[in-house]
Amino acid sequence: MEDQYLRLLFNVHMVRIVPEDAPVIASSCTLWEYEKAMPVTFIEADLVNVFVQDPGAIIRTRMLFDRLAEVALDEEQSRRKLAEYVGRSREDLDDPGTCMA
């Protein structure tokens, strides 16, 4: 896991962490927006994976990402948090690890 944190620290343009206690409903979705085509939302659930171009679904997906942007740590805070995880000792084997979105 430490290698993944290091890759995030040094190989990505921007990273923002949503704290585990942030009041956000978890949802597995992706929003693709194109210059010359309608946006597409991909929603992944336990029983179905759906590609949607319905304007209402696109608006709700944008609202979800706006909410995540509101509650996420800023870029510098997120990088400091990742650096904490990289520097953490591994002595406590019963530690369940970090819970990050």
Protein backbone atom coordinates (compact mmCIF):
# COMPACT_ATOMS: atom_id res chain seq x y z
CA MET A 1 0.00 0.00 0.00
CA GLU A 2 2.89 2.34 0.74
CA ASP A 3 4.00 2.06 -2.91
CA GLN A 4 0.56 3.18 -4.05
CA TYR A 5 0.67 6.20 -1.73
CA LEU A 6 4.10 7.11 -3.09
CA ARG A 7 2.84 6.87 -6.67
CA LEU A 8 -0.05 9.17 -5.78
CA LEU A 9 2.35 11.64 -4.16
CA PHE A 10 4.82 11.82 -7.01
CA ASN A 11 3.13 10.67 -10.23
CA VAL A 12 -0.28 12.34 -10.36
CA HIS A 13 -1.18 15.87 -11.33
CA MET A 14 -3.66 16.40 -8.51
CA VAL A 15 -4.92 14.31 -5.62
CA ARG A 16 -7.62 15.18 -3.09
CA ILE A 17 -8.66 12.97 -0.19
CA VAL A 18 -12.21 12.79 1.15
CA PRO A 19 -11.96 12.24 4.92
CA GLU A 20 -13.70 9.13 6.20
CA ASP A 21 -15.99 11.18 8.48
CA ALA A 22 -17.21 13.44 5.64
CA PRO A 23 -21.01 13.40 5.27
CA VAL A 24 -21.15 11.94 1.76
CA ILE A 25 -23.20 9.08 0.36
CA ALA A 26 -20.79 6.68 -1.28
CA SER A 27 -21.43 5.87 -4.90
CA SER A 28 -19.28 4.27 -7.51
CA CYS A 29 -19.70 6.43 -10.57
CA THR A 30 -17.71 8.06 -13.32
CA LEU A 31 -18.60 11.07 -15.44
CA TRP A 32 -17.18 11.45 -18.92
CA GLU A 33 -17.69 14.83 -20.57
CA TYR A 34 -16.88 15.43 -24.21
CA GLU A 35 -16.51 18.52 -26.33
CA LYS A 36 -18.73 17.32 -29.20
CA ALA A 37 -20.94 14.66 -27.62
CA MET A 38 -23.34 14.28 -24.73
CA PRO A 39 -21.82 13.46 -21.32
CA VAL A 40 -22.01 9.88 -20.07
CA THR A 41 -22.29 8.68 -16.49
CA PHE A 42 -21.21 5.14 -15.60
CA ILE A 43 -22.75 3.83 -12.40
CA GLU A 44 -21.51 0.61 -10.80
CA ALA A 45 -23.73 -1.20 -8.29
CA ASP A 46 -23.91 -4.65 -6.74
CA LEU A 47 -26.33 -6.02 -9.31
CA VAL A 48 -25.87 -3.83 -12.38
CA ASN A 49 -23.47 -1.58 -14.26
CA VAL A 50 -25.18 1.20 -16.20
CA PHE A 51 -24.11 3.77 -18.79
CA VAL A 52 -26.49 6.76 -18.69
CA GLN A 53 -26.90 9.85 -20.85
CA ASP A 54 -30.15 11.03 -19.26
CA PRO A 55 -29.83 14.77 -18.44
CA GLY A 56 -31.23 14.22 -14.93
CA ALA A 57 -28.64 11.55 -14.16
CA ILE A 58 -25.85 13.77 -15.50
CA ILE A 59 -27.01 16.64 -13.24
CA ARG A 60 -27.14 14.33 -10.19
CA THR A 61 -23.65 13.03 -10.97
CA ARG A 62 -22.30 16.57 -11.25
CA MET A 63 -23.94 17.38 -7.91
CA LEU A 64 -22.20 14.37 -6.34
CA PHE A 65 -18.81 15.52 -7.64
CA ASP A 66 -19.53 19.10 -6.47
CA ARG A 67 -20.28 17.73 -2.99
CA LEU A 68 -17.06 15.70 -2.99
CA ALA A 69 -15.13 18.85 -3.96
CA GLU A 70 -16.70 20.68 -1.00
CA VAL A 71 -15.75 18.11 1.64
CA ALA A 72 -12.39 16.91 0.27
CA LEU A 73 -9.14 18.15 1.73
CA ASP A 74 -7.40 20.65 -0.51
CA GLU A 75 -4.50 19.43 -2.62
CA GLU A 76 -1.78 20.39 -0.12
CA GLN A 77 -3.66 18.87 2.84
CA SER A 78 -4.21 15.69 0.82
CA ARG A 79 -0.53 15.39 -0.03
CA ARG A 80 0.41 15.89 3.64
CA LYS A 81 -2.09 13.18 4.64
CA LEU A 82 -0.58 10.75 2.10
CA ALA A 83 2.89 11.58 3.40
CA GLU A 84 1.67 10.70 6.93
CA TYR A 85 0.51 7.31 5.69
CA VAL A 86 3.85 6.65 3.99
CA GLY A 87 5.78 7.56 7.15
CA ARG A 88 3.60 5.53 9.53
CA SER A 89 5.30 2.64 11.31
CA ARG A 90 3.98 -0.86 10.67
CA GLU A 91 4.43 -2.11 14.23
CA ASP A 92 0.73 -2.50 15.02
CA LEU A 93 -0.36 -5.54 13.02
CA ASP A 94 -3.91 -5.28 14.35
CA ASP A 95 -4.36 -1.81 12.84
CA PRO A 96 -7.18 -2.09 10.26
CA GLY A 97 -5.46 0.46 8.05
CA THR A 98 -6.75 3.66 6.60
CA CYS A 99 -10.24 4.29 5.33
CA MET A 100 -10.05 6.66 2.40
CA ALA A 101 -12.50 7.34 -0.37
